[in-house]
Amino acid sequence: MTPENGGPRTYAHPAGLYELPEWEVALAALDAVAHAAKKVLHLDWIAAVDNAVRALPYGDCCSRCRVTRFPHQATVADGGLSGRYRCACGHEWTCGWALDAPLLM
């Protein structure tokens, strides 16, 4: 497989990146994403990832287990975003965000 059709290419990560514990977590997550992507229609997967990336600033903390979750569904209207959230603990909720508010990340 060549680099032009998704194969590996020559690279060197920035100094220290590969030493970060977060980098190993990110690589494991990307591996899981690659495996999950094989289970759904390609265009549906691309749309879901695009939506998820756009929703990253709108993470909210589960009131039961205190884990940050990201919206699995969002409605954007009247200058705001209303997100639907579902936690692994079973808790579901909605949260609203003003889209013109500064986000702290």
PDB file of N, CA and C in Angstrom:
ATOM      1  N   MET A   1       0.852  -1.169   0.000  1.00  0.00           N
ATOM      2  CA  MET A   1       0.000   0.000   0.000  1.00  0.00           C
ATOM      3  C   MET A   1       0.903   1.239   0.000  1.00  0.00           C
ATOM      4  N   THR A   2       0.644   2.165  -0.895  1.00  0.00           N
ATOM      5  CA  THR A   2       1.455   3.368  -1.018  1.00  0.00           C
ATOM      6  C   THR A   2       0.865   4.506  -0.184  1.00  0.00           C
ATOM      7  N   PRO A   3       1.675   5.539   0.109  1.00  0.00           N
ATOM      8  CA  PRO A   3       1.143   6.682   0.852  1.00  0.00           C
ATOM      9  C   PRO A   3      -0.055   7.328   0.157  1.00  0.00           C
ATOM     10  N   GLU A   4      -0.085   7.284  -1.172  1.00  0.00           N
ATOM     11  CA  GLU A   4      -1.184   7.908  -1.919  1.00  0.00           C
ATOM     12  C   GLU A   4      -2.526   7.225  -1.671  1.00  0.00           C
ATOM     13  N   ASN A   5      -2.518   5.954  -1.317  1.00  0.00           N
ATOM     14  CA  ASN A   5      -3.795   5.266  -1.071  1.00  0.00           C
ATOM     15  C   ASN A   5      -3.927   4.800   0.380  1.00  0.00           C
ATOM     16  N   GLY A   6      -3.355   5.586   1.301  1.00  0.00           N
ATOM     17  CA  GLY A   6      -3.562   5.335   2.722  1.00  0.00           C
ATOM     18  C   GLY A   6      -2.480   4.539   3.420  1.00  0.00           C
ATOM     19  N   GLY A   7      -1.419   4.191   2.703  1.00  0.00           N
ATOM     20  CA  GLY A   7      -0.331   3.434   3.318  1.00  0.00           C
ATOM     21  C   GLY A   7       0.576   4.313   4.156  1.00  0.00           C
ATOM     22  N   PRO A   8       1.551   3.699   4.824  1.00  0.00           N
ATOM     23  CA  PRO A   8       2.455   4.465   5.689  1.00  0.00           C
ATOM     24  C   PRO A   8       3.366   5.378   4.878  1.00  0.00           C
ATOM     25  N   ARG A   9       3.847   6.418   5.528  1.00  0.00           N
ATOM     26  CA  ARG A   9       4.797   7.336   4.913  1.00  0.00           C
ATOM     27  C   ARG A   9       5.893   7.632   5.922  1.00  0.00           C
ATOM     28  N   THR A  10       6.970   8.181   5.474  1.00  0.00           N
ATOM     29  CA  THR A  10       8.078   8.546   6.355  1.00  0.00           C
ATOM     30  C   THR A  10       7.659   9.757   7.187  1.00  0.00           C
ATOM     31  N   TYR A  11       7.934   9.697   8.487  1.00  0.00           N
ATOM     32  CA  TYR A  11       7.614  10.818   9.361  1.00  0.00           C
ATOM     33  C   TYR A  11       8.471  10.752  10.614  1.00  0.00           C
ATOM     34  N   ALA A  12       8.500  11.829  11.345  1.00  0.00           N
ATOM     35  CA  ALA A  12       9.130  11.890  12.669  1.00  0.00           C
ATOM     36  C   ALA A  12       8.251  12.779  13.532  1.00  0.00           C
ATOM     37  N   HIS A  13       7.753  12.240  14.636  1.00  0.00           N
ATOM     38  CA  HIS A  13       6.917  13.037  15.534  1.00  0.00           C
ATOM     39  C   HIS A  13       7.746  14.135  16.194  1.00  0.00           C
ATOM     40  N   PRO A  14       7.106  15.249  16.547  1.00  0.00           N
ATOM     41  CA  PRO A  14       7.829  16.312  17.248  1.00  0.00           C
ATOM     42  C   PRO A  14       8.472  15.777  18.526  1.00  0.00           C
ATOM     43  N   ALA A  15       9.615  16.335  18.866  1.00  0.00           N
ATOM     44  CA  ALA A  15      10.369  15.891  20.040  1.00  0.00           C
ATOM     45  C   ALA A  15       9.483  15.862  21.277  1.00  0.00           C
ATOM     46  N   GLY A  16       9.504  14.768  21.969  1.00  0.00           N
ATOM     47  CA  GLY A  16       8.787  14.621  23.229  1.00  0.00           C
ATOM     48  C   GLY A  16       7.353  14.163  23.104  1.00  0.00           C
ATOM     49  N   LEU A  17       6.764  14.268  21.929  1.00  0.00           N
ATOM     50  CA  LEU A  17       5.366  13.882  21.760  1.00  0.00           C
ATOM     51  C   LEU A  17       5.139  12.429  22.143  1.00  0.00           C
ATOM     52  N   TYR A  18       5.977  11.549  21.636  1.00  0.00           N
ATOM     53  CA  TYR A  18       5.809  10.123  21.894  1.00  0.00           C
ATOM     54  C   TYR A  18       6.080   9.745  23.347  1.00  0.00           C
ATOM     55  N   GLU A  19       6.629  10.655  24.127  1.00  0.00           N
ATOM     56  CA  GLU A  19       6.873  10.387  25.543  1.00  0.00           C
ATOM     57  C   GLU A  19       5.678  10.758  26.424  1.00  0.00           C
ATOM     58  N   LEU A  20       4.718  11.481  25.878  1.00  0.00           N
ATOM     59  CA  LEU A  20       3.551  11.889  26.653  1.00  0.00           C
ATOM     60  C   LEU A  20       2.613  10.714  26.864  1.00  0.00           C
ATOM     61  N   PRO A  21       2.122  10.507  28.092  1.00  0.00           N
ATOM     62  CA  PRO A  21       1.159   9.431  28.317  1.00  0.00           C
ATOM     63  C   PRO A  21      -0.117   9.644  27.506  1.00  0.00           C
ATOM     64  N   GLU A  22      -0.486  10.903  27.267  1.00  0.00           N
ATOM     65  CA  GLU A  22      -1.673  11.196  26.472  1.00  0.00           C
ATOM     66  C   GLU A  22      -1.522  10.694  25.036  1.00  0.00           C
ATOM     67  N   TRP A  23      -0.288  10.667  24.523  1.00  0.00           N
ATOM     68  CA  TRP A  23      -0.063  10.206  23.162  1.00  0.00           C
ATOM     69  C   TRP A  23      -0.408   8.728  23.035  1.00  0.00           C
ATOM     70  N   GLU A  24      -0.037   7.934  24.018  1.00  0.00           N
ATOM     71  CA  GLU A  24      -0.372   6.508  23.990  1.00  0.00           C
ATOM     72  C   GLU A  24      -1.877   6.299  24.079  1.00  0.00           C
ATOM     73  N   VAL A  25      -2.543   7.107  24.889  1.00  0.00           N
ATOM     74  CA  VAL A  25      -4.000   7.021  24.995  1.00  0.00           C
ATOM     75  C   VAL A  25      -4.632   7.394  23.651  1.00  0.00           C
ATOM     76  N   ALA A  26      -4.099   8.449  23.018  1.00  0.00           N
ATOM     77  CA  ALA A  26      -4.630   8.876  21.720  1.00  0.00           C
ATOM     78  C   ALA A  26      -4.426   7.791  20.662  1.00  0.00           C
ATOM     79  N   LEU A  27      -3.273   7.145  20.655  1.00  0.00           N
ATOM     80  CA  LEU A  27      -3.022   6.077  19.682  1.00  0.00           C
ATOM     81  C   LEU A  27      -3.976   4.900  19.891  1.00  0.00           C
ATOM     82  N   ALA A  28      -4.209   4.543  21.150  1.00  0.00           N
ATOM     83  CA  ALA A  28      -5.144   3.452  21.437  1.00  0.00           C
ATOM     84  C   ALA A  28      -6.556   3.831  20.980  1.00  0.00           C
ATOM     85  N   ALA A  29      -6.933   5.093  21.184  1.00  0.00           N
ATOM     86  CA  ALA A  29      -8.255   5.552  20.758  1.00  0.00           C
ATOM     87  C   ALA A  29      -8.361   5.530  19.232  1.00  0.00           C
ATOM     88  N   LEU A  30      -7.311   5.954  18.540  1.00  0.00           N
ATOM     89  CA  LEU A  30      -7.335   5.924  17.078  1.00  0.00           C
ATOM     90  C   LEU A  30      -7.426   4.500  16.544  1.00  0.00           C
ATOM     91  N   ASP A  31      -6.769   3.574  17.214  1.00  0.00           N
ATOM     92  CA  ASP A  31      -6.867   2.170  16.816  1.00  0.00           C
ATOM     93  C   ASP A  31      -8.310   1.677  16.979  1.00  0.00           C
ATOM     94  N   ALA A  32      -8.930   2.026  18.096  1.00  0.00           N
ATOM     95  CA  ALA A  32     -10.325   1.630  18.327  1.00  0.00           C
ATOM     96  C   ALA A  32     -11.246   2.271  17.287  1.00  0.00           C
ATOM     97  N   VAL A  33     -10.981   3.527  16.933  1.00  0.00           N
ATOM     98  CA  VAL A  33     -11.780   4.223  15.930  1.00  0.00           C
ATOM     99  C   VAL A  33     -11.646   3.526  14.576  1.00  0.00           C
ATOM    100  N   ALA A  34     -10.432   3.147  14.212  1.00  0.00           N
ATOM    101  CA  ALA A  34     -10.216   2.467  12.933  1.00  0.00           C
ATOM    102  C   ALA A  34     -11.006   1.160  12.879  1.00  0.00           C
ATOM    103  N   HIS A  35     -11.042   0.425  13.981  1.00  0.00           N
ATOM    104  CA  HIS A  35     -11.801  -0.827  14.021  1.00  0.00           C
ATOM    105  C   HIS A  35     -13.311  -0.561  13.982  1.00  0.00           C
ATOM    106  N   ALA A  36     -13.766   0.446  14.705  1.00  0.00           N
ATOM    107  CA  ALA A  36     -15.196   0.769  14.727  1.00  0.00           C
ATOM    108  C   ALA A  36     -15.668   1.249  13.365  1.00  0.00           C
ATOM    109  N   ALA A  37     -14.823   1.969  12.652  1.00  0.00           N
ATOM    110  CA  ALA A  37     -15.206   2.511  11.351  1.00  0.00           C
ATOM    111  C   ALA A  37     -15.545   1.408  10.358  1.00  0.00           C
ATOM    112  N   LYS A  38     -14.993   0.246  10.555  1.00  0.00           N
ATOM    113  CA  LYS A  38     -15.261  -0.877   9.650  1.00  0.00           C
ATOM    114  C   LYS A  38     -16.657  -1.459   9.859  1.00  0.00           C
ATOM    115  N   LYS A  39     -17.338  -1.048  10.929  1.00  0.00           N
ATOM    116  CA  LYS A  39     -18.638  -1.620  11.277  1.00  0.00           C
ATOM    117  C   LYS A  39     -19.820  -0.803  10.765  1.00  0.00           C
ATOM    118  N   VAL A  40     -19.576   0.390  10.222  1.00  0.00           N
ATOM    119  CA  VAL A  40     -20.679   1.245   9.749  1.00  0.00           C
ATOM    120  C   VAL A  40     -20.386   1.736   8.337  1.00  0.00           C
ATOM    121  N   LEU A  41     -21.413   2.232   7.690  1.00  0.00           N
ATOM    122  CA  LEU A  41     -21.285   2.781   6.349  1.00  0.00           C
ATOM    123  C   LEU A  41     -20.267   3.922   6.357  1.00  0.00           C
ATOM    124  N   HIS A  42     -19.374   3.922   5.410  1.00  0.00           N
ATOM    125  CA  HIS A  42     -18.266   4.876   5.361  1.00  0.00           C
ATOM    126  C   HIS A  42     -18.729   6.332   5.478  1.00  0.00           C
ATOM    127  N   LEU A  43     -19.710   6.739   4.682  1.00  0.00           N
ATOM    128  CA  LEU A  43     -20.160   8.131   4.722  1.00  0.00           C
ATOM    129  C   LEU A  43     -20.830   8.480   6.041  1.00  0.00           C
ATOM    130  N   ASP A  44     -21.544   7.535   6.651  1.00  0.00           N
ATOM    131  CA  ASP A  44     -22.133   7.774   7.969  1.00  0.00           C
ATOM    132  C   ASP A  44     -21.028   7.994   8.998  1.00  0.00           C
ATOM    133  N   TRP A  45     -19.956   7.209   8.897  1.00  0.00           N
ATOM    134  CA  TRP A  45     -18.837   7.329   9.836  1.00  0.00           C
ATOM    135  C   TRP A  45     -18.168   8.693   9.687  1.00  0.00           C
ATOM    136  N   ILE A  46     -17.929   9.113   8.464  1.00  0.00           N
ATOM    137  CA  ILE A  46     -17.284  10.406   8.237  1.00  0.00           C
ATOM    138  C   ILE A  46     -18.142  11.532   8.804  1.00  0.00           C
ATOM    139  N   ALA A  47     -19.436  11.496   8.579  1.00  0.00           N
ATOM    140  CA  ALA A  47     -20.338  12.524   9.111  1.00  0.00           C
ATOM    141  C   ALA A  47     -20.343  12.506  10.639  1.00  0.00           C
ATOM    142  N   ALA A  48     -20.360  11.322  11.243  1.00  0.00           N
ATOM    143  CA  ALA A  48     -20.379  11.221  12.707  1.00  0.00           C
ATOM    144  C   ALA A  48     -19.088  11.770  13.308  1.00  0.00           C
ATOM    145  N   VAL A  49     -17.951  11.468  12.709  1.00  0.00           N
ATOM    146  CA  VAL A  49     -16.674  11.981  13.219  1.00  0.00           C
ATOM    147  C   VAL A  49     -16.610  13.495  13.054  1.00  0.00           C
ATOM    148  N   ASP A  50     -17.062  14.005  11.909  1.00  0.00           N
ATOM    149  CA  ASP A  50     -17.089  15.449  11.685  1.00  0.00           C
ATOM    150  C   ASP A  50     -17.949  16.133  12.746  1.00  0.00           C
ATOM    151  N   ASN A  51     -19.134  15.596  13.008  1.00  0.00           N
ATOM    152  CA  ASN A  51     -20.012  16.170  14.035  1.00  0.00           C
ATOM    153  C   ASN A  51     -19.385  16.086  15.415  1.00  0.00           C
ATOM    154  N   ALA A  52     -18.742  14.967  15.727  1.00  0.00           N
ATOM    155  CA  ALA A  52     -18.118  14.799  17.042  1.00  0.00           C
ATOM    156  C   ALA A  52     -16.998  15.811  17.250  1.00  0.00           C
ATOM    157  N   VAL A  53     -16.179  16.032  16.243  1.00  0.00           N
ATOM    158  CA  VAL A  53     -15.089  17.007  16.359  1.00  0.00           C
ATOM    159  C   VAL A  53     -15.653  18.401  16.577  1.00  0.00           C
ATOM    160  N   ARG A  54     -16.710  18.751  15.845  1.00  0.00           N
ATOM    161  CA  ARG A  54     -17.320  20.069  16.011  1.00  0.00           C
ATOM    162  C   ARG A  54     -17.955  20.239  17.392  1.00  0.00           C
ATOM    163  N   ALA A  55     -18.353  19.146  18.032  1.00  0.00           N
ATOM    164  CA  ALA A  55     -19.024  19.204  19.338  1.00  0.00           C
ATOM    165  C   ALA A  55     -18.063  19.077  20.520  1.00  0.00           C
ATOM    166  N   LEU A  56     -16.785  18.861  20.273  1.00  0.00           N
ATOM    167  CA  LEU A  56     -15.840  18.703  21.385  1.00  0.00           C
ATOM    168  C   LEU A  56     -15.861  19.848  22.392  1.00  0.00           C
ATOM    169  N   PRO A  57     -16.028  21.106  21.967  1.00  0.00           N
ATOM    170  CA  PRO A  57     -16.070  22.185  22.957  1.00  0.00           C
ATOM    171  C   PRO A  57     -17.297  22.130  23.876  1.00  0.00           C
ATOM    172  N   TYR A  58     -18.280  21.285  23.563  1.00  0.00           N
ATOM    173  CA  TYR A  58     -19.527  21.266  24.307  1.00  0.00           C
ATOM    174  C   TYR A  58     -19.648  20.036  25.205  1.00  0.00           C
ATOM    175  N   GLY A  59     -18.525  19.585  25.712  1.00  0.00           N
ATOM    176  CA  GLY A  59     -18.548  18.491  26.672  1.00  0.00           C
ATOM    177  C   GLY A  59     -19.231  18.934  27.958  1.00  0.00           C
ATOM    178  N   ASP A  60     -19.896  18.007  28.616  1.00  0.00           N
ATOM    179  CA  ASP A  60     -20.589  18.306  29.870  1.00  0.00           C
ATOM    180  C   ASP A  60     -20.337  17.156  30.834  1.00  0.00           C
ATOM    181  N   CYS A  61     -20.332  17.464  32.101  1.00  0.00           N
ATOM    182  CA  CYS A  61     -20.030  16.474  33.125  1.00  0.00           C
ATOM    183  C   CYS A  61     -21.300  15.763  33.592  1.00  0.00           C
ATOM    184  N   CYS A  62     -21.254  14.430  33.630  1.00  0.00           N
ATOM    185  CA  CYS A  62     -22.378  13.643  34.141  1.00  0.00           C
ATOM    186  C   CYS A  62     -22.556  13.949  35.628  1.00  0.00           C
ATOM    187  N   SER A  63     -23.765  14.261  36.023  1.00  0.00           N
ATOM    188  CA  SER A  63     -24.014  14.613  37.430  1.00  0.00           C
ATOM    189  C   SER A  63     -23.953  13.391  38.347  1.00  0.00           C
ATOM    190  N   ARG A  64     -24.005  12.190  37.784  1.00  0.00           N
ATOM    191  CA  ARG A  64     -23.946  10.983  38.611  1.00  0.00           C
ATOM    192  C   ARG A  64     -22.523  10.496  38.850  1.00  0.00           C
ATOM    193  N   CYS A  65     -21.750  10.353  37.765  1.00  0.00           N
ATOM    194  CA  CYS A  65     -20.420   9.749  37.940  1.00  0.00           C
ATOM    195  C   CYS A  65     -19.276  10.730  37.691  1.00  0.00           C
ATOM    196  N   ARG A  66     -19.611  11.967  37.338  1.00  0.00           N
ATOM    197  CA  ARG A  66     -18.644  13.050  37.176  1.00  0.00           C
ATOM    198  C   ARG A  66     -17.649  12.829  36.035  1.00  0.00           C
ATOM    199  N   VAL A  67     -18.063  12.119  34.993  1.00  0.00           N
ATOM    200  CA  VAL A  67     -17.231  11.887  33.817  1.00  0.00           C
ATOM    201  C   VAL A  67     -17.711  12.828  32.709  1.00  0.00           C
ATOM    202  N   THR A  68     -16.775  13.443  32.009  1.00  0.00           N
ATOM    203  CA  THR A  68     -17.137  14.322  30.906  1.00  0.00           C
ATOM    204  C   THR A  68     -17.623  13.506  29.723  1.00  0.00           C
ATOM    205  N   ARG A  69     -18.746  13.917  29.177  1.00  0.00           N
ATOM    206  CA  ARG A  69     -19.322  13.282  27.985  1.00  0.00           C
ATOM    207  C   ARG A  69     -19.558  14.361  26.938  1.00  0.00           C
ATOM    208  N   PHE A  70     -19.691  13.922  25.711  1.00  0.00           N
ATOM    209  CA  PHE A  70     -19.906  14.835  24.594  1.00  0.00           C
ATOM    210  C   PHE A  70     -21.252  14.511  23.965  1.00  0.00           C
ATOM    211  N   PRO A  71     -21.914  15.516  23.370  1.00  0.00           N
ATOM    212  CA  PRO A  71     -23.259  15.274  22.852  1.00  0.00           C
ATOM    213  C   PRO A  71     -23.278  14.240  21.725  1.00  0.00           C
ATOM    214  N   HIS A  72     -24.250  13.341  21.803  1.00  0.00           N
ATOM    215  CA  HIS A  72     -24.436  12.377  20.723  1.00  0.00           C
ATOM    216  C   HIS A  72     -25.460  12.897  19.736  1.00  0.00           C
ATOM    217  N   GLN A  73     -26.119  13.992  20.111  1.00  0.00           N
ATOM    218  CA  GLN A  73     -27.095  14.644  19.241  1.00  0.00           C
ATOM    219  C   GLN A  73     -27.078  16.126  19.579  1.00  0.00           C
ATOM    220  N   ALA A  74     -27.137  16.968  18.557  1.00  0.00           N
ATOM    221  CA  ALA A  74     -27.144  18.412  18.790  1.00  0.00           C
ATOM    222  C   ALA A  74     -28.134  19.086  17.866  1.00  0.00           C
ATOM    223  N   THR A  75     -28.794  20.114  18.403  1.00  0.00           N
ATOM    224  CA  THR A  75     -29.667  20.966  17.612  1.00  0.00           C
ATOM    225  C   THR A  75     -29.132  22.382  17.733  1.00  0.00           C
ATOM    226  N   VAL A  76     -28.880  23.007  16.594  1.00  0.00           N
ATOM    227  CA  VAL A  76     -28.373  24.377  16.576  1.00  0.00           C
ATOM    228  C   VAL A  76     -29.477  25.272  16.030  1.00  0.00           C
ATOM    229  N   ALA A  77     -29.880  26.232  16.848  1.00  0.00           N
ATOM    230  CA  ALA A  77     -30.933  27.172  16.451  1.00  0.00           C
ATOM    231  C   ALA A  77     -30.883  28.397  17.352  1.00  0.00           C
ATOM    232  N   ASP A  78     -31.296  29.526  16.807  1.00  0.00           N
ATOM    233  CA  ASP A  78     -31.413  30.777  17.577  1.00  0.00           C
ATOM    234  C   ASP A  78     -30.140  31.111  18.349  1.00  0.00           C
ATOM    235  N   GLY A  79     -28.984  30.912  17.738  1.00  0.00           N
ATOM    236  CA  GLY A  79     -27.721  31.277  18.368  1.00  0.00           C
ATOM    237  C   GLY A  79     -27.272  30.362  19.480  1.00  0.00           C
ATOM    238  N   GLY A  80     -27.870  29.183  19.576  1.00  0.00           N
ATOM    239  CA  GLY A  80     -27.481  28.262  20.636  1.00  0.00           C
ATOM    240  C   GLY A  80     -27.411  26.823  20.171  1.00  0.00           C
ATOM    241  N   LEU A  81     -26.802  26.007  20.978  1.00  0.00           N
ATOM    242  CA  LEU A  81     -26.718  24.576  20.734  1.00  0.00           C
ATOM    243  C   LEU A  81     -27.380  23.863  21.904  1.00  0.00           C
ATOM    244  N   SER A  82     -28.273  22.947  21.603  1.00  0.00           N
ATOM    245  CA  SER A  82     -28.877  22.091  22.624  1.00  0.00           C
ATOM    246  C   SER A  82     -28.354  20.686  22.368  1.00  0.00           C
ATOM    247  N   GLY A  83     -27.608  20.157  23.332  1.00  0.00           N
ATOM    248  CA  GLY A  83     -27.007  18.844  23.166  1.00  0.00           C
ATOM    249  C   GLY A  83     -27.696  17.783  23.999  1.00  0.00           C
ATOM    250  N   ARG A  84     -27.776  16.568  23.445  1.00  0.00           N
ATOM    251  CA  ARG A  84     -28.270  15.398  24.179  1.00  0.00           C
ATOM    252  C   ARG A  84     -27.052  14.571  24.536  1.00  0.00           C
ATOM    253  N   TYR A  85     -27.002  14.155  25.789  1.00  0.00           N
ATOM    254  CA  TYR A  85     -25.852  13.434  26.325  1.00  0.00           C
ATOM    255  C   TYR A  85     -26.304  12.093  26.895  1.00  0.00           C
ATOM    256  N   ARG A  86     -25.441  11.115  26.788  1.00  0.00           N
ATOM    257  CA  ARG A  86     -25.696   9.796  27.370  1.00  0.00           C
ATOM    258  C   ARG A  86     -24.375   9.306  27.962  1.00  0.00           C
ATOM    259  N   CYS A  87     -24.426   8.924  29.227  1.00  0.00           N
ATOM    260  CA  CYS A  87     -23.230   8.461  29.923  1.00  0.00           C
ATOM    261  C   CYS A  87     -23.230   6.933  30.012  1.00  0.00           C
ATOM    262  N   ALA A  88     -22.043   6.363  30.152  1.00  0.00           N
ATOM    263  CA  ALA A  88     -21.919   4.911  30.306  1.00  0.00           C
ATOM    264  C   ALA A  88     -22.631   4.409  31.559  1.00  0.00           C
ATOM    265  N   CYS A  89     -22.847   5.287  32.544  1.00  0.00           N
ATOM    266  CA  CYS A  89     -23.538   4.883  33.771  1.00  0.00           C
ATOM    267  C   CYS A  89     -25.053   4.790  33.565  1.00  0.00           C
ATOM    268  N   GLY A  90     -25.536   5.197  32.371  1.00  0.00           N
ATOM    269  CA  GLY A  90     -26.956   5.118  32.072  1.00  0.00           C
ATOM    270  C   GLY A  90     -27.691   6.450  32.171  1.00  0.00           C
ATOM    271  N   HIS A  91     -27.048   7.460  32.719  1.00  0.00           N
ATOM    272  CA  HIS A  91     -27.686   8.770  32.871  1.00  0.00           C
ATOM    273  C   HIS A  91     -27.773   9.471  31.517  1.00  0.00           C
ATOM    274  N   GLU A  92     -28.920  10.112  31.240  1.00  0.00           N
ATOM    275  CA  GLU A  92     -29.117  10.889  30.020  1.00  0.00           C
ATOM    276  C   GLU A  92     -29.592  12.284  30.413  1.00  0.00           C
ATOM    277  N   TRP A  93     -29.161  13.291  29.674  1.00  0.00           N
ATOM    278  CA  TRP A  93     -29.558  14.657  29.975  1.00  0.00           C
ATOM    279  C   TRP A  93     -29.365  15.541  28.744  1.00  0.00           C
ATOM    280  N   THR A  94     -29.843  16.780  28.843  1.00  0.00           N
ATOM    281  CA  THR A  94     -29.617  17.791  27.814  1.00  0.00           C
ATOM    282  C   THR A  94     -28.895  18.961  28.450  1.00  0.00           C
ATOM    283  N   CYS A  95     -28.206  19.706  27.619  1.00  0.00           N
ATOM    284  CA  CYS A  95     -27.511  20.901  28.091  1.00  0.00           C
ATOM    285  C   CYS A  95     -27.519  21.907  26.954  1.00  0.00           C
ATOM    286  N   GLY A  96     -27.748  23.171  27.288  1.00  0.00           N
ATOM    287  CA  GLY A  96     -27.776  24.227  26.282  1.00  0.00           C
ATOM    288  C   GLY A  96     -26.552  25.113  26.368  1.00  0.00           C
ATOM    289  N   TRP A  97     -26.117  25.578  25.211  1.00  0.00           N
ATOM    290  CA  TRP A  97     -24.937  26.423  25.120  1.00  0.00           C
ATOM    291  C   TRP A  97     -25.239  27.609  24.210  1.00  0.00           C
ATOM    292  N   ALA A  98     -24.804  28.799  24.596  1.00  0.00           N
ATOM    293  CA  ALA A  98     -24.869  29.961  23.717  1.00  0.00           C
ATOM    294  C   ALA A  98     -23.665  29.890  22.789  1.00  0.00           C
ATOM    295  N   LEU A  99     -23.882  29.972  21.493  1.00  0.00           N
ATOM    296  CA  LEU A  99     -22.785  29.809  20.553  1.00  0.00           C
ATOM    297  C   LEU A  99     -21.881  31.026  20.467  1.00  0.00           C
ATOM    298  N   ASP A 100     -22.310  32.161  20.977  1.00  0.00           N
ATOM    299  CA  ASP A 100     -21.443  33.338  20.952  1.00  0.00           C
ATOM    300  C   ASP A 100     -20.659  33.500  22.249  1.00  0.00           C
ATOM    301  N   ALA A 101     -20.813  32.584  23.191  1.00  0.00           N
ATOM    302  CA  ALA A 101     -20.090  32.655  24.455  1.00  0.00           C
ATOM    303  C   ALA A 101     -18.661  32.150  24.253  1.00  0.00           C
ATOM    304  N   PRO A 102     -17.683  32.779  24.924  1.00  0.00           N
ATOM    305  CA  PRO A 102     -16.309  32.267  24.807  1.00  0.00           C
ATOM    306  C   PRO A 102     -16.200  30.900  25.493  1.00  0.00           C
ATOM    307  N   LEU A 103     -15.515  29.965  24.850  1.00  0.00           N
ATOM    308  CA  LEU A 103     -15.352  28.626  25.403  1.00  0.00           C
ATOM    309  C   LEU A 103     -13.978  28.500  26.028  1.00  0.00           C
ATOM    310  N   LEU A 104     -13.921  27.921  27.192  1.00  0.00           N
ATOM    311  CA  LEU A 104     -12.652  27.646  27.861  1.00  0.00           C
ATOM    312  C   LEU A 104     -12.305  26.190  27.639  1.00  0.00           C
ATOM    313  N   MET A 105     -11.182  25.930  27.032  1.00  0.00           N
ATOM    314  CA  MET A 105     -10.791  24.540  26.759  1.00  0.00           C
ATOM    315  C   MET A 105      -9.459  24.245  27.399  1.00  0.00           C
TER     316      MET A 105
END
